[in-house]
C-alpha atoms as a PDB file:
ATOM      1  CA  UNK A   1       0.000   0.000   0.000  1.00  0.00           C
ATOM      2  CA  UNK A   2       1.819   3.155   1.171  1.00  0.00           C
ATOM      3  CA  UNK A   3       5.614   2.620   1.056  1.00  0.00           C
ATOM      4  CA  UNK A   4       7.047   2.323   4.569  1.00  0.00           C
ATOM      5  CA  UNK A   5       9.670   5.007   3.855  1.00  0.00           C
ATOM      6  CA  UNK A   6       6.879   7.451   2.996  1.00  0.00           C
ATOM      7  CA  UNK A   7       4.984   6.546   6.171  1.00  0.00           C
ATOM      8  CA  UNK A   8       8.124   7.127   8.255  1.00  0.00           C
ATOM      9  CA  UNK A   9       8.716  10.438   6.480  1.00  0.00           C
ATOM     10  CA  UNK A  10       5.332  11.663   7.757  1.00  0.00           C
ATOM     11  CA  UNK A  11       5.905  10.440  11.311  1.00  0.00           C
ATOM     12  CA  UNK A  12       4.432   6.921  11.374  1.00  0.00           C
ATOM     13  CA  UNK A  13       5.464   4.653  14.237  1.00  0.00           C
ATOM     14  CA  UNK A  14       5.326   0.879  14.529  1.00  0.00           C
ATOM     15  CA  UNK A  15       3.223  -0.969  17.082  1.00  0.00           C
ATOM     16  CA  UNK A  16       3.973  -4.609  17.973  1.00  0.00           C
ATOM     17  CA  UNK A  17       0.983  -6.829  18.736  1.00  0.00           C
ATOM     18  CA  UNK A  18       0.872 -10.331  20.117  1.00  0.00           C
ATOM     19  CA  UNK A  19      -1.566 -12.903  18.747  1.00  0.00           C
ATOM     20  CA  UNK A  20      -5.149 -12.071  19.871  1.00  0.00           C
ATOM     21  CA  UNK A  21      -4.137  -8.616  21.117  1.00  0.00           C
ATOM     22  CA  UNK A  22      -6.731  -5.928  20.289  1.00  0.00           C
ATOM     23  CA  UNK A  23      -5.514  -2.752  18.567  1.00  0.00           C
ATOM     24  CA  UNK A  24      -8.802  -0.856  18.887  1.00  0.00           C
ATOM     25  CA  UNK A  25     -12.331  -1.668  20.024  1.00  0.00           C
ATOM     26  CA  UNK A  26     -15.792  -1.157  18.575  1.00  0.00           C
ATOM     27  CA  UNK A  27     -17.012   2.420  19.074  1.00  0.00           C
ATOM     28  CA  UNK A  28     -13.480   3.822  19.470  1.00  0.00           C
ATOM     29  CA  UNK A  29     -13.063   7.137  17.651  1.00  0.00           C
ATOM     30  CA  UNK A  30     -10.841   6.766  14.570  1.00  0.00           C
ATOM     31  CA  UNK A  31      -7.675   8.866  15.026  1.00  0.00           C
ATOM     32  CA  UNK A  32      -4.999   7.005  13.056  1.00  0.00           C
ATOM     33  CA  UNK A  33      -4.204   5.413   9.691  1.00  0.00           C
ATOM     34  CA  UNK A  34      -3.130   1.788  10.182  1.00  0.00           C
ATOM     35  CA  UNK A  35      -1.131  -0.457   7.842  1.00  0.00           C
ATOM     36  CA  UNK A  36       0.112  -4.001   8.484  1.00  0.00           C
ATOM     37  CA  UNK A  37       3.917  -4.134   8.610  1.00  0.00           C
ATOM     38  CA  UNK A  38       4.019  -7.894   9.189  1.00  0.00           C
ATOM     39  CA  UNK A  39       1.583 -10.598  10.266  1.00  0.00           C
ATOM     40  CA  UNK A  40      -2.210 -10.493   9.945  1.00  0.00           C
ATOM     41  CA  UNK A  41      -4.916  -8.306  11.468  1.00  0.00           C
ATOM     42  CA  UNK A  42      -8.638  -9.016  11.413  1.00  0.00           C
ATOM     43  CA  UNK A  43     -11.546  -6.660  11.952  1.00  0.00           C
ATOM     44  CA  UNK A  44     -14.398  -8.471  13.646  1.00  0.00           C
ATOM     45  CA  UNK A  45     -17.656  -8.209  15.574  1.00  0.00           C
ATOM     46  CA  UNK A  46     -19.433 -10.538  17.977  1.00  0.00           C
ATOM     47  CA  UNK A  47     -23.195 -10.991  18.235  1.00  0.00           C
ATOM     48  CA  UNK A  48     -25.116 -11.390  21.516  1.00  0.00           C
ATOM     49  CA  UNK A  49     -24.441 -15.152  21.485  1.00  0.00           C
ATOM     50  CA  UNK A  50     -20.698 -14.547  21.160  1.00  0.00           C
ATOM     51  CA  UNK A  51     -20.494 -15.691  17.518  1.00  0.00           C
ATOM     52  CA  UNK A  52     -17.728 -13.927  15.652  1.00  0.00           C
ATOM     53  CA  UNK A  53     -18.217 -12.294  12.264  1.00  0.00           C
ATOM     54  CA  UNK A  54     -14.996 -11.295  10.506  1.00  0.00           C
ATOM     55  CA  UNK A  55     -15.314  -8.116   8.466  1.00  0.00           C
ATOM     56  CA  UNK A  56     -11.911  -8.621   6.855  1.00  0.00           C
ATOM     57  CA  UNK A  57      -8.429 -10.086   7.262  1.00  0.00           C
ATOM     58  CA  UNK A  58      -5.527  -7.813   6.350  1.00  0.00           C
ATOM     59  CA  UNK A  59      -2.060  -9.070   5.413  1.00  0.00           C
ATOM     60  CA  UNK A  60       1.365  -7.421   5.226  1.00  0.00           C
ATOM     61  CA  UNK A  61       1.175  -4.135   3.306  1.00  0.00           C
ATOM     62  CA  UNK A  62      -2.615  -3.781   3.641  1.00  0.00           C
ATOM     63  CA  UNK A  63      -4.267  -0.864   5.383  1.00  0.00           C
ATOM     64  CA  UNK A  64      -7.453  -1.172   7.428  1.00  0.00           C
ATOM     65  CA  UNK A  65     -10.025   0.949   9.242  1.00  0.00           C
ATOM     66  CA  UNK A  66      -9.878   3.977   6.924  1.00  0.00           C
ATOM     67  CA  UNK A  67     -13.602   4.729   6.308  1.00  0.00           C
ATOM     68  CA  UNK A  68     -14.282   5.926   9.899  1.00  0.00           C
ATOM     69  CA  UNK A  69     -11.106   8.017   9.729  1.00  0.00           C
ATOM     70  CA  UNK A  70     -12.295   9.857   6.608  1.00  0.00           C
ATOM     71  CA  UNK A  71     -15.854  10.236   7.884  1.00  0.00           C
ATOM     72  CA  UNK A  72     -14.903  11.179  11.481  1.00  0.00           C
ATOM     73  CA  UNK A  73     -16.831   8.196  12.839  1.00  0.00           C
ATOM     74  CA  UNK A  74     -16.237   5.489  15.422  1.00  0.00           C
ATOM     75  CA  UNK A  75     -15.066   2.032  14.403  1.00  0.00           C
ATOM     76  CA  UNK A  76     -17.919  -0.410  13.665  1.00  0.00           C
ATOM     77  CA  UNK A  77     -15.644  -3.376  14.496  1.00  0.00           C
ATOM     78  CA  UNK A  78     -12.587  -4.159  16.582  1.00  0.00           C
ATOM     79  CA  UNK A  79      -9.105  -4.878  15.170  1.00  0.00           C
ATOM     80  CA  UNK A  80      -7.282  -7.914  16.526  1.00  0.00           C
ATOM     81  CA  UNK A  81      -3.973  -9.608  15.675  1.00  0.00           C
ATOM     82  CA  UNK A  82      -4.473 -13.047  14.106  1.00  0.00           C
ATOM     83  CA  UNK A  83      -0.783 -13.784  14.792  1.00  0.00           C
ATOM     84  CA  UNK A  84       2.141 -11.821  16.204  1.00  0.00           C
ATOM     85  CA  UNK A  85       2.133  -8.700  14.032  1.00  0.00           C
ATOM     86  CA  UNK A  86       3.529  -5.219  13.568  1.00  0.00           C
ATOM     87  CA  UNK A  87       1.347  -2.294  12.484  1.00  0.00           C
ATOM     88  CA  UNK A  88       2.300   1.138  11.185  1.00  0.00           C
ATOM     89  CA  UNK A  89       0.309   3.920  12.876  1.00  0.00           C
ATOM     90  CA  UNK A  90       0.108   7.420  11.422  1.00  0.00           C
ATOM     91  CA  UNK A  91      -1.755  10.280  13.114  1.00  0.00           C
ATOM     92  CA  UNK A  92      -4.831  11.449  11.175  1.00  0.00           C
ATOM     93  CA  UNK A  93      -3.657  14.963  10.242  1.00  0.00           C
ATOM     94  CA  UNK A  94      -0.260  13.660   9.100  1.00  0.00           C
ATOM     95  CA  UNK A  95      -2.038  11.008   7.027  1.00  0.00           C
ATOM     96  CA  UNK A  96      -4.241  13.620   5.322  1.00  0.00           C
ATOM     97  CA  UNK A  97      -1.148  15.744   4.659  1.00  0.00           C
ATOM     98  CA  UNK A  98       0.572  12.705   3.099  1.00  0.00           C
ATOM     99  CA  UNK A  99      -2.420  12.177   0.781  1.00  0.00           C
ATOM    100  CA  UNK A 100      -2.611  15.850  -0.221  1.00  0.00           C
ATOM    101  CA  UNK A 101       1.096  15.944  -1.034  1.00  0.00           C
ATOM    102  CA  UNK A 102       1.185  12.546  -2.807  1.00  0.00           C
ATOM    103  CA  UNK A 103      -1.752  12.349  -5.248  1.00  0.00           C
ATOM    104  CA  UNK A 104      -0.634   9.011  -6.755  1.00  0.00           C
ATOM    105  CA  UNK A 105      -0.740   7.421  -3.306  1.00  0.00           C
ATOM    106  CA  UNK A 106      -4.163   8.991  -2.734  1.00  0.00           C
ATOM    107  CA  UNK A 107      -5.418   7.465  -5.998  1.00  0.00           C
ATOM    108  CA  UNK A 108      -4.049   4.016  -5.090  1.00  0.00           C
ATOM    109  CA  UNK A 109      -5.778   4.178  -1.703  1.00  0.00           C
ATOM    110  CA  UNK A 110      -9.041   5.194  -3.385  1.00  0.00           C
ATOM    111  CA  UNK A 111      -8.785   2.151  -5.686  1.00  0.00           C
ATOM    112  CA  UNK A 112      -8.235  -0.144  -2.686  1.00  0.00           C
ATOM    113  CA  UNK A 113     -11.243   1.300  -0.840  1.00  0.00           C
ATOM    114  CA  UNK A 114     -13.405   0.958  -3.966  1.00  0.00           C
ATOM    115  CA  UNK A 115     -12.356  -2.692  -4.228  1.00  0.00           C
ATOM    116  CA  UNK A 116     -13.354  -3.291  -0.603  1.00  0.00           C
ATOM    117  CA  UNK A 117     -16.737  -1.661  -1.146  1.00  0.00           C
ATOM    118  CA  UNK A 118     -17.284  -3.928  -4.141  1.00  0.00           C
ATOM    119  CA  UNK A 119     -16.303  -6.984  -2.073  1.00  0.00           C
ATOM    120  CA  UNK A 120     -18.677  -5.981   0.766  1.00  0.00           C
ATOM    121  CA  UNK A 121     -21.575  -5.460  -1.661  1.00  0.00           C
ATOM    122  CA  UNK A 122     -20.843  -8.820  -3.310  1.00  0.00           C
ATOM    123  CA  UNK A 123     -20.604 -10.693  -0.007  1.00  0.00           C
ATOM    124  CA  UNK A 124     -23.812  -9.150   1.368  1.00  0.00           C
ATOM    125  CA  UNK A 125     -25.651 -10.451  -1.709  1.00  0.00           C
ATOM    126  CA  UNK A 126     -23.939 -13.857  -1.374  1.00  0.00           C
ATOM    127  CA  UNK A 127     -24.727 -14.230   2.327  1.00  0.00           C
ATOM    128  CA  UNK A 128     -28.384 -13.376   1.866  1.00  0.00           C
ATOM    129  CA  UNK A 129     -29.114 -15.443  -1.256  1.00  0.00           C
ATOM    130  CA  UNK A 130     -26.482 -18.028  -2.222  1.00  0.00           C
ATOM    131  CA  UNK A 131     -25.642 -21.568  -1.101  1.00  0.00           C
ATOM    132  CA  UNK A 132     -22.746 -22.240   1.292  1.00  0.00           C
ATOM    133  CA  UNK A 133     -20.684 -23.768  -1.542  1.00  0.00           C
ATOM    134  CA  UNK A 134     -21.154 -20.686  -3.712  1.00  0.00           C
ATOM    135  CA  UNK A 135     -20.287 -18.328  -0.831  1.00  0.00           C
ATOM    136  CA  UNK A 136     -17.084 -20.229  -0.071  1.00  0.00           C
ATOM    137  CA  UNK A 137     -15.933 -20.272  -3.699  1.00  0.00           C
ATOM    138  CA  UNK A 138     -16.591 -16.540  -3.952  1.00  0.00           C
ATOM    139  CA  UNK A 139     -14.572 -15.933  -0.777  1.00  0.00           C
ATOM    140  CA  UNK A 140     -11.668 -18.158  -1.862  1.00  0.00           C
ATOM    141  CA  UNK A 141     -11.551 -16.577  -5.314  1.00  0.00           C
ATOM    142  CA  UNK A 142     -11.595 -13.086  -3.791  1.00  0.00           C
ATOM    143  CA  UNK A 143      -8.558 -13.873  -1.623  1.00  0.00           C
ATOM    144  CA  UNK A 144      -6.802 -15.614  -4.525  1.00  0.00           C
ATOM    145  CA  UNK A 145      -7.289 -12.890  -7.133  1.00  0.00           C
ATOM    146  CA  UNK A 146      -7.655  -9.644  -5.181  1.00  0.00           C
ATOM    147  CA  UNK A 147      -5.599 -10.205  -2.029  1.00  0.00           C
ATOM    148  CA  UNK A 148      -2.813 -12.536  -3.195  1.00  0.00           C
ATOM    149  CA  UNK A 149      -2.925 -11.463  -6.893  1.00  0.00           C
ATOM    150  CA  UNK A 150      -2.718 -15.048  -8.160  1.00  0.00           C
ATOM    151  CA  UNK A 151      -3.954 -15.573 -11.760  1.00  0.00           C
ATOM    152  CA  UNK A 152      -7.129 -17.686 -12.075  1.00  0.00           C
ATOM    153  CA  UNK A 153      -5.340 -20.495 -13.935  1.00  0.00           C
ATOM    154  CA  UNK A 154      -2.679 -20.946 -11.238  1.00  0.00           C
ATOM    155  CA  UNK A 155      -3.281 -23.032  -8.079  1.00  0.00           C
ATOM    156  CA  UNK A 156      -3.912 -21.234  -4.806  1.00  0.00           C
ATOM    157  CA  UNK A 157      -3.356 -22.773  -1.370  1.00  0.00           C
ATOM    158  CA  UNK A 158      -5.994 -21.283   0.932  1.00  0.00           C
ATOM    159  CA  UNK A 159      -4.439 -19.841   4.113  1.00  0.00           C
ATOM    160  CA  UNK A 160      -7.762 -19.306   5.878  1.00  0.00           C
ATOM    161  CA  UNK A 161      -8.855 -21.814   8.510  1.00  0.00           C
ATOM    162  CA  UNK A 162     -12.311 -23.407   8.307  1.00  0.00           C
ATOM    163  CA  UNK A 163     -13.294 -21.247  11.304  1.00  0.00           C
ATOM    164  CA  UNK A 164     -12.122 -18.045   9.582  1.00  0.00           C
ATOM    165  CA  UNK A 165     -14.060 -18.974   6.423  1.00  0.00           C
ATOM    166  CA  UNK A 166     -17.149 -19.534   8.564  1.00  0.00           C
ATOM    167  CA  UNK A 167     -16.684 -16.194  10.319  1.00  0.00           C
ATOM    168  CA  UNK A 168     -16.187 -14.363   6.991  1.00  0.00           C
ATOM    169  CA  UNK A 169     -19.302 -15.844   5.363  1.00  0.00           C
ATOM    170  CA  UNK A 170     -21.742 -16.061   8.271  1.00  0.00           C
ATOM    171  CA  UNK A 171     -21.762 -19.880   8.135  1.00  0.00           C
ATOM    172  CA  UNK A 172     -21.272 -22.424  10.891  1.00  0.00           C
ATOM    173  CA  UNK A 173     -17.900 -24.196  10.814  1.00  0.00           C
ATOM    174  CA  UNK A 174     -19.658 -27.563  10.397  1.00  0.00           C
ATOM    175  CA  UNK A 175     -21.393 -26.204   7.282  1.00  0.00           C
ATOM    176  CA  UNK A 176     -18.054 -25.025   5.887  1.00  0.00           C
ATOM    177  CA  UNK A 177     -16.537 -28.494   6.402  1.00  0.00           C
ATOM    178  CA  UNK A 178     -19.463 -30.198   4.619  1.00  0.00           C
ATOM    179  CA  UNK A 179     -19.457 -27.648   1.782  1.00  0.00           C
ATOM    180  CA  UNK A 180     -15.693 -28.035   1.219  1.00  0.00           C
ATOM    181  CA  UNK A 181     -16.074 -31.837   1.015  1.00  0.00           C
ATOM    182  CA  UNK A 182     -18.905 -31.378  -1.480  1.00  0.00           C
ATOM    183  CA  UNK A 183     -16.782 -28.975  -3.556  1.00  0.00           C
ATOM    184  CA  UNK A 184     -13.960 -31.532  -3.541  1.00  0.00           C
ATOM    185  CA  UNK A 185     -16.302 -34.234  -4.883  1.00  0.00           C
ATOM    186  CA  UNK A 186     -17.319 -31.841  -7.678  1.00  0.00           C
ATOM    187  CA  UNK A 187     -13.622 -31.205  -8.471  1.00  0.00           C
ATOM    188  CA  UNK A 188     -13.982 -27.491  -7.705  1.00  0.00           C
ATOM    189  CA  UNK A 189     -11.319 -27.618  -4.978  1.00  0.00           C
ATOM    190  CA  UNK A 190      -8.693 -30.154  -3.933  1.00  0.00           C
ATOM    191  CA  UNK A 191      -7.749 -31.188  -0.412  1.00  0.00           C
ATOM    192  CA  UNK A 192      -4.074 -31.866   0.338  1.00  0.00           C
ATOM    193  CA  UNK A 193      -3.150 -32.651   3.941  1.00  0.00           C
ATOM    194  CA  UNK A 194      -6.365 -30.882   5.058  1.00  0.00           C
ATOM    195  CA  UNK A 195      -5.349 -27.747   3.104  1.00  0.00           C
ATOM    196  CA  UNK A 196      -7.660 -26.395   0.389  1.00  0.00           C
ATOM    197  CA  UNK A 197      -6.234 -25.937  -3.095  1.00  0.00           C
ATOM    198  CA  UNK A 198      -8.236 -23.977  -5.684  1.00  0.00           C
END
């Protein structure tokens, strides 16, 4: 996303997080731009029964939590480290200055946000109308093509756990397991040592 040297130039600092450590909570006022330096961060919510819904998983180089920052809103989800991670943090006014003074970076960020909006709109439609198998293929293909930039014709080893896939699609983990087995029988995915290959 934004080159680390540019972030440092505008005063960004690095925060180290241990696995499961929370960076910010739901309803916290957005005051910083965040970008993953290493590891993985997820934004998630929990319903009244304690079931997790993952809004997104962000890998090295990805930013997260920008919409509330631009709109001066509170976060609608919390951010939590999936594994030991480092995160770049840049104060809001410095971030806006960086964007004003670097229009190409601003344009790239706009493209990323537009892609996320498209993904959210697609997944909302999937969750409300499509079968579990269809939802999972859509999710896997999104991570393959848009997150990892792997061409359609090349194999992709899915890094997401069955639980994470369930939390990203609103399914139960048991449903994910059954749907993956069904997709394997239809030759739409392969299973190798319990890992999914698409």
